[in-house]
Amino acid sequence: MDNSSAVFDSCVLAAAFFQEDLTRKAQEMLMLYDPITVDFARIEITNVACKRILHGKTNPDIIRSALDTSVEFLNDACFLLKASDIIDAAYECAITHKITVYDALYLTAAMKEERIFITADYALYKAAHDVHEIVLLTT
């Protein structure tokens, strides 16, 4: 397994750009590894931005700026895998490990690329840590 790059899921990517307890750790991991993710991450990160605005957690201008920065990072710094290319395998992975297809997209990407998978989702880690090398970020 190549340790120069890693697959990041959307919760880690969002944490890197939207201030929260895991922000510093997420940013450190993104500097440590060349990031790989699924193109679907942009949709999930945009959803995080919307939820933060709708729940009144942060100023909408700050959220918009963080969203723009995260999208720029995804486009310029990440190797993006097409979700449509791995959806069938992700479906099987989701059924096998009893996880969402969304989570299975990232796990499948890590397995396909033979890279470490980095997540902050404990339930996902618990469901799949025995089938692939997963790093769980915690506060």
N, C-alpha and C. Protein backbone atom coordinates (compact mmCIF):
# COMPACT_ATOMS: atom_id res chain seq x y z
N MET A 1 0.85 -1.19 0.00
CA MET A 1 0.00 0.00 0.00
C MET A 1 0.89 1.24 0.00
N ASP A 2 0.62 2.13 -0.93
CA ASP A 2 1.36 3.39 -1.03
C ASP A 2 0.92 4.32 0.09
N ASN A 3 1.88 4.82 0.86
CA ASN A 3 1.54 5.69 1.99
C ASN A 3 1.76 7.17 1.70
N SER A 4 2.00 7.54 0.44
CA SER A 4 2.18 8.96 0.11
C SER A 4 0.85 9.66 -0.10
N SER A 5 -0.19 8.89 -0.38
CA SER A 5 -1.51 9.47 -0.59
C SER A 5 -2.53 8.67 0.22
N ALA A 6 -3.68 9.28 0.42
CA ALA A 6 -4.75 8.65 1.19
C ALA A 6 -6.10 9.12 0.67
N VAL A 7 -7.11 8.28 0.89
CA VAL A 7 -8.48 8.65 0.53
C VAL A 7 -9.12 9.31 1.74
N PHE A 8 -9.70 10.49 1.51
CA PHE A 8 -10.37 11.26 2.56
C PHE A 8 -11.87 11.26 2.29
N ASP A 9 -12.66 11.06 3.34
CA ASP A 9 -14.10 11.18 3.14
C ASP A 9 -14.54 12.62 3.38
N SER A 10 -15.79 12.88 3.09
CA SER A 10 -16.28 14.26 3.14
C SER A 10 -16.30 14.84 4.54
N CYS A 11 -16.45 14.01 5.58
CA CYS A 11 -16.48 14.59 6.93
C CYS A 11 -15.12 15.15 7.32
N VAL A 12 -14.04 14.51 6.88
CA VAL A 12 -12.70 15.04 7.16
C VAL A 12 -12.45 16.27 6.30
N LEU A 13 -12.83 16.21 5.04
CA LEU A 13 -12.63 17.36 4.15
C LEU A 13 -13.42 18.57 4.65
N ALA A 14 -14.66 18.35 5.05
CA ALA A 14 -15.46 19.47 5.57
C ALA A 14 -14.85 20.03 6.85
N ALA A 15 -14.37 19.16 7.71
CA ALA A 15 -13.75 19.61 8.97
C ALA A 15 -12.54 20.49 8.70
N ALA A 16 -11.84 20.24 7.62
CA ALA A 16 -10.64 21.03 7.30
C ALA A 16 -10.98 22.47 6.93
N PHE A 17 -12.19 22.70 6.44
CA PHE A 17 -12.56 24.02 5.93
C PHE A 17 -13.62 24.75 6.75
N PHE A 18 -14.44 24.01 7.47
CA PHE A 18 -15.47 24.60 8.31
C PHE A 18 -15.07 24.39 9.77
N GLN A 19 -14.82 25.47 10.46
CA GLN A 19 -14.25 25.43 11.80
C GLN A 19 -15.04 24.52 12.74
N GLU A 20 -14.33 23.56 13.33
CA GLU A 20 -14.91 22.64 14.32
C GLU A 20 -13.76 22.02 15.11
N ASP A 21 -14.10 21.14 16.03
CA ASP A 21 -13.08 20.55 16.90
C ASP A 21 -12.01 19.78 16.12
N LEU A 22 -12.35 19.19 15.00
CA LEU A 22 -11.40 18.38 14.22
C LEU A 22 -10.62 19.17 13.16
N THR A 23 -10.85 20.45 13.06
CA THR A 23 -10.27 21.22 11.97
C THR A 23 -8.75 21.09 11.91
N ARG A 24 -8.08 21.29 13.00
CA ARG A 24 -6.60 21.24 13.00
C ARG A 24 -6.10 19.85 12.59
N LYS A 25 -6.68 18.80 13.13
CA LYS A 25 -6.26 17.44 12.79
C LYS A 25 -6.53 17.13 11.32
N ALA A 26 -7.68 17.56 10.83
CA ALA A 26 -8.02 17.32 9.42
C ALA A 26 -7.03 18.03 8.51
N GLN A 27 -6.69 19.27 8.84
CA GLN A 27 -5.73 20.02 8.04
C GLN A 27 -4.35 19.37 8.08
N GLU A 28 -3.94 18.88 9.23
CA GLU A 28 -2.64 18.20 9.34
C GLU A 28 -2.59 16.96 8.47
N MET A 29 -3.68 16.19 8.46
CA MET A 29 -3.72 14.98 7.63
C MET A 29 -3.67 15.33 6.14
N LEU A 30 -4.32 16.42 5.76
CA LEU A 30 -4.30 16.84 4.36
C LEU A 30 -2.92 17.32 3.93
N MET A 31 -2.12 17.77 4.88
CA MET A 31 -0.74 18.17 4.56
C MET A 31 0.19 16.96 4.55
N LEU A 32 -0.17 15.93 5.28
CA LEU A 32 0.66 14.74 5.40
C LEU A 32 0.55 13.83 4.18
N TYR A 33 -0.64 13.77 3.59
CA TYR A 33 -0.90 12.87 2.45
C TYR A 33 -1.38 13.66 1.24
N ASP A 34 -1.08 13.13 0.06
CA ASP A 34 -1.69 13.64 -1.17
C ASP A 34 -3.14 13.16 -1.15
N PRO A 35 -4.09 14.08 -1.19
CA PRO A 35 -5.49 13.67 -1.00
C PRO A 35 -6.15 13.10 -2.25
N ILE A 36 -6.89 12.03 -2.01
CA ILE A 36 -7.74 11.40 -3.00
C ILE A 36 -9.15 11.39 -2.41
N THR A 37 -10.14 11.65 -3.23
CA THR A 37 -11.52 11.54 -2.77
C THR A 37 -12.42 11.25 -3.95
N VAL A 38 -13.69 11.14 -3.67
CA VAL A 38 -14.68 10.88 -4.70
C VAL A 38 -15.32 12.21 -5.09
N ASP A 39 -15.62 12.39 -6.36
CA ASP A 39 -16.19 13.66 -6.82
C ASP A 39 -17.47 14.02 -6.08
N PHE A 40 -18.14 13.04 -5.54
CA PHE A 40 -19.36 13.24 -4.76
C PHE A 40 -19.10 14.07 -3.50
N ALA A 41 -17.85 14.15 -3.07
CA ALA A 41 -17.51 14.92 -1.87
C ALA A 41 -17.95 16.38 -1.99
N ARG A 42 -17.90 16.91 -3.20
CA ARG A 42 -18.31 18.31 -3.38
C ARG A 42 -19.78 18.50 -3.00
N ILE A 43 -20.61 17.56 -3.35
CA ILE A 43 -22.03 17.62 -3.00
C ILE A 43 -22.19 17.54 -1.48
N GLU A 44 -21.48 16.63 -0.87
CA GLU A 44 -21.61 16.47 0.59
C GLU A 44 -21.07 17.69 1.34
N ILE A 45 -19.98 18.26 0.88
CA ILE A 45 -19.43 19.45 1.52
C ILE A 45 -20.37 20.64 1.34
N THR A 46 -20.97 20.75 0.18
CA THR A 46 -21.96 21.81 -0.04
C THR A 46 -23.15 21.64 0.89
N ASN A 47 -23.53 20.40 1.14
CA ASN A 47 -24.62 20.13 2.07
C ASN A 47 -24.25 20.56 3.50
N VAL A 48 -23.00 20.33 3.89
CA VAL A 48 -22.52 20.80 5.20
C VAL A 48 -22.67 22.32 5.29
N ALA A 49 -22.27 23.02 4.25
CA ALA A 49 -22.38 24.48 4.24
C ALA A 49 -23.84 24.91 4.40
N CYS A 50 -24.73 24.29 3.65
CA CYS A 50 -26.15 24.64 3.75
C CYS A 50 -26.69 24.40 5.15
N LYS A 51 -26.35 23.27 5.74
CA LYS A 51 -26.83 22.96 7.09
C LYS A 51 -26.33 23.97 8.10
N ARG A 52 -25.09 24.39 7.96
CA ARG A 52 -24.55 25.37 8.91
C ARG A 52 -25.29 26.71 8.80
N ILE A 53 -25.62 27.09 7.59
CA ILE A 53 -26.37 28.34 7.42
C ILE A 53 -27.80 28.18 7.93
N LEU A 54 -28.46 27.09 7.56
CA LEU A 54 -29.84 26.87 7.97
C LEU A 54 -29.99 26.74 9.48
N HIS A 55 -28.97 26.20 10.14
CA HIS A 55 -29.02 26.06 11.60
C HIS A 55 -28.46 27.28 12.32
N GLY A 56 -28.10 28.30 11.54
CA GLY A 56 -27.64 29.55 12.13
C GLY A 56 -26.35 29.45 12.91
N LYS A 57 -25.49 28.49 12.55
CA LYS A 57 -24.25 28.28 13.31
C LYS A 57 -23.16 29.30 13.00
N THR A 58 -23.17 29.84 11.80
CA THR A 58 -22.10 30.74 11.40
C THR A 58 -22.64 31.76 10.41
N ASN A 59 -21.95 32.86 10.28
CA ASN A 59 -22.28 33.90 9.32
C ASN A 59 -22.26 33.31 7.91
N PRO A 60 -23.32 33.53 7.12
CA PRO A 60 -23.37 32.98 5.75
C PRO A 60 -22.18 33.39 4.87
N ASP A 61 -21.63 34.58 5.08
CA ASP A 61 -20.47 35.01 4.27
C ASP A 61 -19.23 34.17 4.60
N ILE A 62 -19.06 33.84 5.87
CA ILE A 62 -17.94 32.99 6.29
C ILE A 62 -18.10 31.58 5.71
N ILE A 63 -19.33 31.08 5.76
CA ILE A 63 -19.60 29.75 5.20
C ILE A 63 -19.36 29.74 3.69
N ARG A 64 -19.83 30.77 3.00
CA ARG A 64 -19.63 30.82 1.54
C ARG A 64 -18.15 30.84 1.19
N SER A 65 -17.37 31.60 1.94
CA SER A 65 -15.94 31.67 1.71
C SER A 65 -15.28 30.31 1.94
N ALA A 66 -15.67 29.64 3.02
CA ALA A 66 -15.12 28.31 3.32
C ALA A 66 -15.52 27.32 2.24
N LEU A 67 -16.76 27.41 1.76
CA LEU A 67 -17.20 26.52 0.69
C LEU A 67 -16.40 26.75 -0.58
N ASP A 68 -16.22 28.01 -0.95
CA ASP A 68 -15.44 28.33 -2.15
C ASP A 68 -14.01 27.81 -2.03
N THR A 69 -13.41 27.97 -0.86
CA THR A 69 -12.05 27.49 -0.62
C THR A 69 -11.99 25.97 -0.71
N SER A 70 -12.99 25.30 -0.14
CA SER A 70 -13.00 23.83 -0.18
C SER A 70 -13.17 23.31 -1.60
N VAL A 71 -14.01 23.95 -2.38
CA VAL A 71 -14.21 23.53 -3.77
C VAL A 71 -12.94 23.75 -4.58
N GLU A 72 -12.28 24.87 -4.36
CA GLU A 72 -11.01 25.14 -5.03
C GLU A 72 -9.98 24.06 -4.66
N PHE A 73 -9.94 23.69 -3.38
CA PHE A 73 -9.02 22.64 -2.93
C PHE A 73 -9.35 21.32 -3.62
N LEU A 74 -10.62 20.96 -3.65
CA LEU A 74 -11.01 19.70 -4.30
C LEU A 74 -10.58 19.69 -5.77
N ASN A 75 -10.81 20.81 -6.45
CA ASN A 75 -10.48 20.87 -7.88
C ASN A 75 -8.98 20.92 -8.16
N ASP A 76 -8.22 21.59 -7.29
CA ASP A 76 -6.81 21.82 -7.57
C ASP A 76 -5.85 20.86 -6.87
N ALA A 77 -6.22 20.37 -5.69
CA ALA A 77 -5.27 19.61 -4.89
C ALA A 77 -5.61 18.14 -4.74
N CYS A 78 -6.83 17.76 -5.05
CA CYS A 78 -7.26 16.37 -4.86
C CYS A 78 -7.30 15.61 -6.17
N PHE A 79 -6.96 14.35 -6.06
CA PHE A 79 -7.23 13.44 -7.17
C PHE A 79 -8.67 12.97 -6.96
N LEU A 80 -9.55 13.30 -7.92
CA LEU A 80 -10.97 12.99 -7.78
C LEU A 80 -11.34 11.75 -8.59
N LEU A 81 -11.92 10.78 -7.90
CA LEU A 81 -12.43 9.59 -8.56
C LEU A 81 -13.90 9.82 -8.88
N LYS A 82 -14.34 9.36 -10.03
CA LYS A 82 -15.74 9.51 -10.40
C LYS A 82 -16.57 8.48 -9.65
N ALA A 83 -17.58 8.97 -8.94
CA ALA A 83 -18.47 8.07 -8.21
C ALA A 83 -19.14 7.09 -9.17
N SER A 84 -19.46 7.56 -10.36
CA SER A 84 -20.14 6.69 -11.33
C SER A 84 -19.27 5.51 -11.76
N ASP A 85 -17.95 5.63 -11.65
CA ASP A 85 -17.05 4.54 -12.02
C ASP A 85 -16.99 3.44 -10.96
N ILE A 86 -17.35 3.78 -9.72
CA ILE A 86 -17.23 2.79 -8.64
C ILE A 86 -18.55 2.50 -7.94
N ILE A 87 -19.65 3.01 -8.48
CA ILE A 87 -20.94 2.87 -7.80
C ILE A 87 -21.38 1.42 -7.65
N ASP A 88 -21.13 0.58 -8.63
CA ASP A 88 -21.55 -0.81 -8.51
C ASP A 88 -20.78 -1.51 -7.39
N ALA A 89 -19.48 -1.29 -7.32
CA ALA A 89 -18.69 -1.87 -6.24
C ALA A 89 -19.08 -1.27 -4.89
N ALA A 90 -19.41 0.03 -4.88
CA ALA A 90 -19.84 0.68 -3.64
C ALA A 90 -21.16 0.10 -3.16
N TYR A 91 -22.05 -0.20 -4.07
CA TYR A 91 -23.32 -0.83 -3.70
C TYR A 91 -23.07 -2.16 -2.99
N GLU A 92 -22.22 -2.98 -3.57
CA GLU A 92 -21.89 -4.28 -2.97
C GLU A 92 -21.21 -4.08 -1.61
N CYS A 93 -20.32 -3.12 -1.53
CA CYS A 93 -19.62 -2.81 -0.29
C CYS A 93 -20.61 -2.37 0.79
N ALA A 94 -21.58 -1.53 0.42
CA ALA A 94 -22.58 -1.05 1.37
C ALA A 94 -23.41 -2.20 1.93
N ILE A 95 -23.82 -3.10 1.07
CA ILE A 95 -24.61 -4.26 1.50
C ILE A 95 -23.77 -5.16 2.41
N THR A 96 -22.56 -5.45 1.99
CA THR A 96 -21.68 -6.34 2.75
C THR A 96 -21.37 -5.81 4.15
N HIS A 97 -21.09 -4.52 4.25
CA HIS A 97 -20.64 -3.94 5.52
C HIS A 97 -21.73 -3.19 6.27
N LYS A 98 -22.95 -3.19 5.68
CA LYS A 98 -24.11 -2.54 6.32
C LYS A 98 -23.83 -1.07 6.61
N ILE A 99 -23.35 -0.38 5.57
CA ILE A 99 -23.07 1.05 5.64
C ILE A 99 -23.82 1.74 4.51
N THR A 100 -23.89 3.06 4.54
CA THR A 100 -24.56 3.78 3.47
C THR A 100 -23.75 3.70 2.18
N VAL A 101 -24.42 3.86 1.08
CA VAL A 101 -23.71 3.90 -0.21
C VAL A 101 -22.75 5.09 -0.23
N TYR A 102 -23.15 6.20 0.40
CA TYR A 102 -22.28 7.37 0.46
C TYR A 102 -20.95 7.00 1.11
N ASP A 103 -21.00 6.36 2.26
CA ASP A 103 -19.78 5.93 2.95
C ASP A 103 -19.03 4.88 2.15
N ALA A 104 -19.79 3.98 1.53
CA ALA A 104 -19.17 2.91 0.74
C ALA A 104 -18.41 3.45 -0.47
N LEU A 105 -18.83 4.59 -1.00
CA LEU A 105 -18.08 5.18 -2.12
C LEU A 105 -16.63 5.48 -1.70
N TYR A 106 -16.46 6.05 -0.52
CA TYR A 106 -15.12 6.39 -0.05
C TYR A 106 -14.31 5.14 0.30
N LEU A 107 -14.95 4.19 0.97
CA LEU A 107 -14.26 2.94 1.31
C LEU A 107 -13.86 2.19 0.05
N THR A 108 -14.76 2.13 -0.90
CA THR A 108 -14.46 1.47 -2.17
C THR A 108 -13.32 2.17 -2.90
N ALA A 109 -13.31 3.49 -2.87
CA ALA A 109 -12.22 4.25 -3.49
C ALA A 109 -10.89 3.89 -2.84
N ALA A 110 -10.86 3.81 -1.52
CA ALA A 110 -9.62 3.47 -0.82
C ALA A 110 -9.16 2.06 -1.17
N MET A 111 -10.09 1.14 -1.25
CA MET A 111 -9.73 -0.24 -1.60
C MET A 111 -9.26 -0.32 -3.04
N LYS A 112 -9.96 0.35 -3.94
CA LYS A 112 -9.58 0.34 -5.37
C LYS A 112 -8.20 0.96 -5.58
N GLU A 113 -7.94 2.06 -4.92
CA GLU A 113 -6.66 2.76 -5.07
C GLU A 113 -5.55 2.18 -4.19
N GLU A 114 -5.93 1.24 -3.32
CA GLU A 114 -4.99 0.64 -2.37
C GLU A 114 -4.29 1.70 -1.54
N ARG A 115 -5.11 2.55 -0.93
CA ARG A 115 -4.62 3.65 -0.10
C ARG A 115 -5.27 3.60 1.27
N ILE A 116 -4.63 4.23 2.23
CA ILE A 116 -5.21 4.41 3.56
C ILE A 116 -6.48 5.23 3.41
N PHE A 117 -7.46 4.93 4.24
CA PHE A 117 -8.73 5.66 4.24
C PHE A 117 -8.81 6.47 5.53
N ILE A 118 -9.07 7.75 5.42
CA ILE A 118 -9.13 8.64 6.58
C ILE A 118 -10.55 9.16 6.74
N THR A 119 -11.11 8.92 7.93
CA THR A 119 -12.48 9.33 8.23
C THR A 119 -12.57 9.84 9.66
N ALA A 120 -13.63 10.56 9.94
CA ALA A 120 -13.95 10.97 11.31
C ALA A 120 -15.26 10.32 11.75
N ASP A 121 -15.75 9.39 10.95
CA ASP A 121 -17.02 8.71 11.20
C ASP A 121 -16.77 7.41 11.95
N TYR A 122 -17.06 7.42 13.24
CA TYR A 122 -16.78 6.25 14.08
C TYR A 122 -17.57 5.02 13.63
N ALA A 123 -18.83 5.21 13.28
CA ALA A 123 -19.65 4.07 12.85
C ALA A 123 -19.07 3.43 11.59
N LEU A 124 -18.60 4.24 10.67
CA LEU A 124 -17.97 3.72 9.46
C LEU A 124 -16.67 2.99 9.80
N TYR A 125 -15.88 3.59 10.65
CA TYR A 125 -14.63 2.96 11.10
C TYR A 125 -14.93 1.59 11.72
N LYS A 126 -15.88 1.56 12.61
CA LYS A 126 -16.23 0.32 13.31
C LYS A 126 -16.71 -0.76 12.35
N ALA A 127 -17.48 -0.36 11.34
CA ALA A 127 -18.03 -1.31 10.38
C ALA A 127 -16.99 -1.88 9.43
N ALA A 128 -15.91 -1.12 9.16
CA ALA A 128 -15.02 -1.53 8.08
C ALA A 128 -13.54 -1.61 8.42
N HIS A 129 -13.15 -1.32 9.65
CA HIS A 129 -11.71 -1.30 9.97
C HIS A 129 -11.04 -2.66 9.83
N ASP A 130 -11.82 -3.72 9.83
CA ASP A 130 -11.23 -5.06 9.70
C ASP A 130 -11.03 -5.48 8.25
N VAL A 131 -11.52 -4.69 7.29
CA VAL A 131 -11.36 -5.05 5.88
C VAL A 131 -10.39 -4.14 5.12
N HIS A 132 -10.06 -2.98 5.74
CA HIS A 132 -9.15 -2.06 5.07
C HIS A 132 -8.50 -1.17 6.12
N GLU A 133 -7.31 -0.66 5.83
CA GLU A 133 -6.63 0.22 6.77
C GLU A 133 -7.32 1.57 6.82
N ILE A 134 -7.85 1.89 7.99
CA ILE A 134 -8.61 3.12 8.18
C ILE A 134 -8.02 3.89 9.36
N VAL A 135 -7.84 5.19 9.16
CA VAL A 135 -7.42 6.07 10.24
C VAL A 135 -8.66 6.84 10.68
N LEU A 136 -8.95 6.76 11.98
CA LEU A 136 -10.11 7.47 12.54
C LEU A 136 -9.61 8.73 13.24
N LEU A 137 -10.07 9.89 12.76
CA LEU A 137 -9.73 11.14 13.42
C LEU A 137 -10.73 11.39 14.55
N THR A 138 -10.20 11.70 15.70
CA THR A 138 -11.05 12.01 16.86
C THR A 138 -10.55 13.26 17.53
N THR A 139 -11.42 13.86 18.34
CA THR A 139 -11.05 15.09 19.05
C THR A 139 -10.18 14.77 20.25
